[in-house]
Amino acid sequence: MGDDRLLSHDETLELIERSHSGDGMATDTLVRRNTALVKSIVRRFLHRGVEYDDLYQIGCVGLVKAINNYDTAFKVRFSTYAVPMIMGEIKRFLRDDGMIKVSRSLKELAARVAAMQEKLCSQLGREVGVSEIAQALGEDVCDVVMALESACSYTSIYEPAFGDDSDACIADQLSDGDEQEKHVVDSLLLKQLLSTLEPRERQLILLRFFQDKTQNETAKALGVSQVQISRLENKILKKLRDAAG
């Protein structure tokens, strides 16, 4: 297998099984073939006062953890599973290394975002979404999200959870890693399943289960009868259950 070619899903599964059996060469191959994935994630965290090479090495640590923890029973592609683990490793490093260093441009954008958020809330009389803020500023949604994150203050997980007199710390209130990982995997599996649907099917599911629309409201939005929506909904749900195994 040449290093200039992406691994297929089956090739990846084979290498992961070999890696789990103690084959170091299989692990090295998986890391080498996924460097593009690590680099694409690292680019999102540049300009935070940390060298690219350092971020890349930390990203590779996250990649190795993903290789070690991946289970074919998750029923998601390895790259889909690896992304949040790589990002989590980098974010953990940035936070544990001290206060996150924010570039001047990101600070300026954060100030503009905060001002626009306040303006839109005042004009519309409600909370506004990130996409609305981004559109009003003419900025990319991802950049706005990064700006909002940079403006957040971080609290030590070892601070008292319920005031200075509390014996319990914030860390005690957090769910364990296995539960968080299961939540991430379930979310990724749902996203992957929805991507297999036809556009009209996906729209129906989004309206019914993500926007809490009734069957009648969904029928009006899609221009069909309520009976058709009921039949189609049952068909789609069966399709998703079968795909999930």
Protein backbone atom coordinates (compact mmCIF):
# COMPACT_ATOMS: atom_id res chain seq x y z
CA MET A 1 0.00 0.00 0.00
CA GLY A 2 1.52 3.31 -1.09
CA ASP A 3 1.68 6.16 1.38
CA ASP A 4 0.11 8.56 -1.13
CA ARG A 5 -3.27 6.81 -0.98
CA LEU A 6 -5.99 7.06 1.64
CA LEU A 7 -6.82 3.83 3.43
CA SER A 8 -10.16 2.23 2.66
CA HIS A 9 -12.51 1.46 5.55
CA ASP A 10 -11.70 -2.26 5.35
CA GLU A 11 -7.94 -1.59 5.29
CA THR A 12 -8.30 0.66 8.32
CA LEU A 13 -10.24 -1.98 10.25
CA GLU A 14 -7.61 -4.61 9.43
CA LEU A 15 -4.77 -2.37 10.61
CA ILE A 16 -6.65 -1.46 13.81
CA GLU A 17 -7.17 -5.13 14.63
CA ARG A 18 -3.46 -5.77 14.08
CA SER A 19 -2.59 -2.73 16.18
CA HIS A 20 -4.80 -3.97 19.03
CA SER A 21 -2.93 -7.27 18.82
CA GLY A 22 0.36 -5.49 19.47
CA ASP A 23 1.55 -4.90 15.90
CA GLY A 24 3.56 -1.68 16.19
CA MET A 25 4.04 -1.40 12.44
CA ALA A 26 0.25 -1.37 11.96
CA THR A 27 -0.03 1.48 14.46
CA ASP A 28 2.73 3.41 12.69
CA THR A 29 0.96 2.92 9.36
CA LEU A 30 -2.34 4.18 10.75
CA VAL A 31 -0.66 7.28 12.20
CA ARG A 32 1.26 7.96 8.98
CA ARG A 33 -1.81 7.56 6.78
CA ASN A 34 -3.91 9.88 8.96
CA THR A 35 -1.43 12.77 9.21
CA ALA A 36 -3.59 14.84 6.84
CA LEU A 37 -6.50 14.50 9.26
CA VAL A 38 -4.36 15.66 12.18
CA LYS A 39 -2.95 18.59 10.19
CA SER A 40 -6.44 19.75 9.15
CA ILE A 41 -7.51 19.85 12.81
CA VAL A 42 -4.29 21.51 14.00
CA ARG A 43 -4.87 24.39 11.57
CA ARG A 44 -8.00 25.32 13.54
CA PHE A 45 -5.89 25.99 16.64
CA LEU A 46 -3.10 28.09 15.14
CA HIS A 47 -2.38 31.64 16.35
CA ARG A 48 -2.91 30.72 20.01
CA GLY A 49 0.69 31.19 21.03
CA VAL A 50 1.68 27.54 20.53
CA GLU A 51 4.01 26.31 17.80
CA TYR A 52 2.53 24.28 14.96
CA ASP A 53 4.90 21.35 15.61
CA ASP A 54 3.81 21.16 19.25
CA LEU A 55 0.13 21.13 18.30
CA TYR A 56 0.83 18.49 15.66
CA GLN A 57 2.55 16.22 18.17
CA ILE A 58 -0.36 16.60 20.61
CA GLY A 59 -2.79 15.87 17.77
CA CYS A 60 -0.88 12.66 17.02
CA VAL A 61 -1.24 11.66 20.67
CA GLY A 62 -5.00 12.03 20.26
CA LEU A 63 -4.84 9.99 17.06
CA VAL A 64 -3.02 7.15 18.82
CA LYS A 65 -5.61 7.22 21.61
CA ALA A 66 -8.32 6.97 18.97
CA ILE A 67 -6.57 3.97 17.42
CA ASN A 68 -6.28 2.27 20.80
CA ASN A 69 -9.89 2.96 21.83
CA TYR A 70 -11.67 2.41 18.51
CA ASP A 71 -14.10 -0.50 18.43
CA THR A 72 -15.76 -1.76 15.23
CA ALA A 73 -18.94 -2.13 17.29
CA PHE A 74 -19.20 1.69 17.24
CA LYS A 75 -20.36 1.41 13.60
CA VAL A 76 -18.82 4.71 12.57
CA ARG A 77 -15.84 5.26 10.31
CA PHE A 78 -12.54 5.59 12.12
CA SER A 79 -11.93 9.15 10.89
CA THR A 80 -15.35 10.20 12.24
CA TYR A 81 -14.49 8.72 15.63
CA ALA A 82 -10.95 10.14 15.66
CA VAL A 83 -11.81 13.81 15.03
CA PRO A 84 -13.34 14.64 18.46
CA MET A 85 -10.56 12.70 20.23
CA ILE A 86 -7.83 14.62 18.40
CA MET A 87 -9.57 17.95 19.04
CA GLY A 88 -10.12 17.04 22.68
CA GLU A 89 -6.46 16.23 23.17
CA ILE A 90 -5.39 19.57 21.70
CA LYS A 91 -7.95 21.53 23.73
CA ARG A 92 -6.86 19.73 26.90
CA PHE A 93 -3.24 20.62 26.20
CA LEU A 94 -4.07 24.28 25.59
CA ARG A 95 -6.02 24.53 28.82
CA ASP A 96 -3.61 22.53 30.99
CA ASP A 97 -0.64 24.44 29.60
CA GLY A 98 -2.01 27.58 31.18
CA MET A 99 -4.39 30.27 30.08
CA ILE A 100 -5.27 29.88 26.42
CA LYS A 101 -3.36 32.41 24.36
CA VAL A 102 -5.67 34.32 22.06
CA SER A 103 -4.46 36.26 19.05
CA ARG A 104 -5.23 39.97 18.67
CA SER A 105 -7.42 39.33 15.61
CA LEU A 106 -9.49 36.75 17.52
CA LYS A 107 -9.87 39.14 20.46
CA GLU A 108 -11.07 41.88 18.09
CA LEU A 109 -13.55 39.50 16.46
CA ALA A 110 -14.78 38.38 19.90
CA ALA A 111 -15.50 42.02 20.80
CA ARG A 112 -17.41 42.55 17.54
CA VAL A 113 -19.34 39.33 18.10
CA ALA A 114 -20.33 40.38 21.62
CA ALA A 115 -21.48 43.81 20.40
CA MET A 116 -23.49 42.34 17.53
CA GLN A 117 -25.02 39.69 19.78
CA GLU A 118 -26.24 42.39 22.18
CA LYS A 119 -27.54 44.52 19.30
CA LEU A 120 -29.47 41.68 17.65
CA CYS A 121 -30.95 40.50 20.96
CA SER A 122 -32.15 44.04 21.64
CA GLN A 123 -33.63 44.43 18.13
CA LEU A 124 -35.30 41.03 17.93
CA GLY A 125 -36.28 40.64 21.57
CA ARG A 126 -34.86 37.11 21.79
CA GLU A 127 -31.63 35.14 21.95
CA VAL A 128 -29.87 34.88 18.59
CA GLY A 129 -27.96 31.99 17.09
CA VAL A 130 -24.35 31.87 15.98
CA SER A 131 -25.35 31.73 12.31
CA GLU A 132 -27.36 34.95 12.70
CA ILE A 133 -24.41 36.73 14.28
CA ALA A 134 -22.05 35.45 11.59
CA GLN A 135 -24.38 36.61 8.81
CA ALA A 136 -24.76 40.07 10.35
CA LEU A 137 -20.98 40.44 10.64
CA GLY A 138 -20.20 38.84 7.28
CA GLU A 139 -17.95 36.31 9.03
CA ASP A 140 -17.62 32.55 8.79
CA VAL A 141 -19.68 30.63 11.38
CA CYS A 142 -16.63 28.65 12.51
CA ASP A 143 -14.68 31.87 13.14
CA VAL A 144 -17.54 33.25 15.21
CA VAL A 145 -17.66 30.05 17.28
CA MET A 146 -13.92 30.25 17.90
CA ALA A 147 -14.29 33.90 18.94
CA LEU A 148 -17.05 33.03 21.39
CA GLU A 149 -14.96 30.21 22.85
CA SER A 150 -11.96 32.50 23.24
CA ALA A 151 -14.05 34.92 25.29
CA CYS A 152 -15.14 32.23 27.75
CA SER A 153 -13.52 32.10 31.15
CA TYR A 154 -12.27 28.72 32.33
CA THR A 155 -12.74 27.36 35.82
CA SER A 156 -10.60 24.74 37.51
CA ILE A 157 -12.45 21.44 37.92
CA TYR A 158 -11.04 21.29 41.45
CA GLU A 159 -12.82 24.46 42.60
CA PRO A 160 -15.74 23.99 45.07
CA ALA A 161 -18.90 23.01 43.21
CA PHE A 162 -21.43 24.66 45.54
CA GLY A 163 -19.62 27.61 47.08
CA ASP A 164 -16.52 28.08 49.19
CA ASP A 165 -17.87 25.93 52.03
CA SER A 166 -18.62 22.98 49.77
CA ASP A 167 -16.54 19.82 50.18
CA ALA A 168 -17.47 18.60 46.69
CA CYS A 169 -15.50 19.93 43.72
CA ILE A 170 -16.63 20.41 40.14
CA ALA A 171 -14.76 17.26 39.07
CA ASP A 172 -17.05 15.21 41.33
CA GLN A 173 -20.07 16.37 39.36
CA LEU A 174 -18.73 15.39 35.97
CA SER A 175 -19.76 12.14 34.31
CA ASP A 176 -17.02 9.61 33.72
CA GLY A 177 -15.07 9.42 30.48
CA ASP A 178 -16.85 6.28 29.28
CA GLU A 179 -20.23 8.00 29.48
CA GLN A 180 -18.94 11.07 27.63
CA GLU A 181 -17.35 8.90 24.96
CA LYS A 182 -20.60 6.97 24.52
CA HIS A 183 -22.48 10.25 24.05
CA VAL A 184 -19.98 11.40 21.40
CA VAL A 185 -20.16 8.09 19.58
CA ASP A 186 -23.97 8.05 19.65
CA SER A 187 -24.04 11.59 18.21
CA LEU A 188 -21.60 10.66 15.46
CA LEU A 189 -23.59 7.52 14.62
CA LEU A 190 -26.82 9.54 14.36
CA LYS A 191 -25.12 12.09 12.10
CA GLN A 192 -23.80 9.32 9.87
CA LEU A 193 -27.22 7.62 9.66
CA LEU A 194 -28.96 10.87 8.74
CA SER A 195 -26.44 11.41 5.94
CA THR A 196 -27.66 8.19 4.30
CA LEU A 197 -31.20 9.53 3.89
CA GLU A 198 -32.60 11.25 0.83
CA PRO A 199 -32.89 15.06 1.22
CA ARG A 200 -36.69 14.90 1.61
CA GLU A 201 -36.44 12.09 4.16
CA ARG A 202 -33.79 13.97 6.13
CA GLN A 203 -35.93 17.12 6.12
CA LEU A 204 -38.88 15.18 7.52
CA ILE A 205 -36.80 13.75 10.38
CA LEU A 206 -35.32 17.17 11.18
CA LEU A 207 -38.75 18.78 11.26
CA ARG A 208 -40.35 16.06 13.37
CA PHE A 209 -37.64 15.19 15.87
CA PHE A 210 -35.26 18.16 15.95
CA GLN A 211 -37.72 21.03 15.52
CA ASP A 212 -40.62 19.32 17.35
CA LYS A 213 -43.09 19.88 14.51
CA THR A 214 -46.36 17.94 14.50
CA GLN A 215 -47.21 15.62 11.62
CA ASN A 216 -49.72 18.19 10.35
CA GLU A 217 -47.12 21.00 10.48
CA THR A 218 -44.59 18.78 8.74
CA ALA A 219 -47.13 17.83 6.08
CA LYS A 220 -47.78 21.51 5.32
CA ALA A 221 -44.05 22.25 5.15
CA LEU A 222 -43.46 19.39 2.71
CA GLY A 223 -46.67 19.89 0.73
CA VAL A 224 -48.16 16.44 1.37
CA SER A 225 -50.93 14.96 3.50
CA GLN A 226 -50.66 14.01 7.16
CA VAL A 227 -51.31 10.36 6.23
CA GLN A 228 -48.36 10.42 3.83
CA ILE A 229 -46.14 11.89 6.53
CA SER A 230 -47.17 9.16 8.98
CA ARG A 231 -46.40 6.39 6.49
CA LEU A 232 -43.12 7.95 5.36
CA GLU A 233 -42.03 8.58 8.94
CA ASN A 234 -42.53 4.91 9.88
CA LYS A 235 -40.66 3.83 6.76
CA ILE A 236 -37.70 6.15 7.51
CA LEU A 237 -37.47 5.13 11.17
CA LYS A 238 -37.41 1.44 10.18
CA LYS A 239 -34.70 2.27 7.65
CA LEU A 240 -32.60 4.01 10.33
CA ARG A 241 -33.10 1.16 12.83
CA ASP A 242 -32.03 -1.40 10.24
CA ALA A 243 -28.94 0.66 9.32
CA ALA A 244 -27.98 1.00 13.00
CA GLY A 245 -28.22 -2.75 13.45
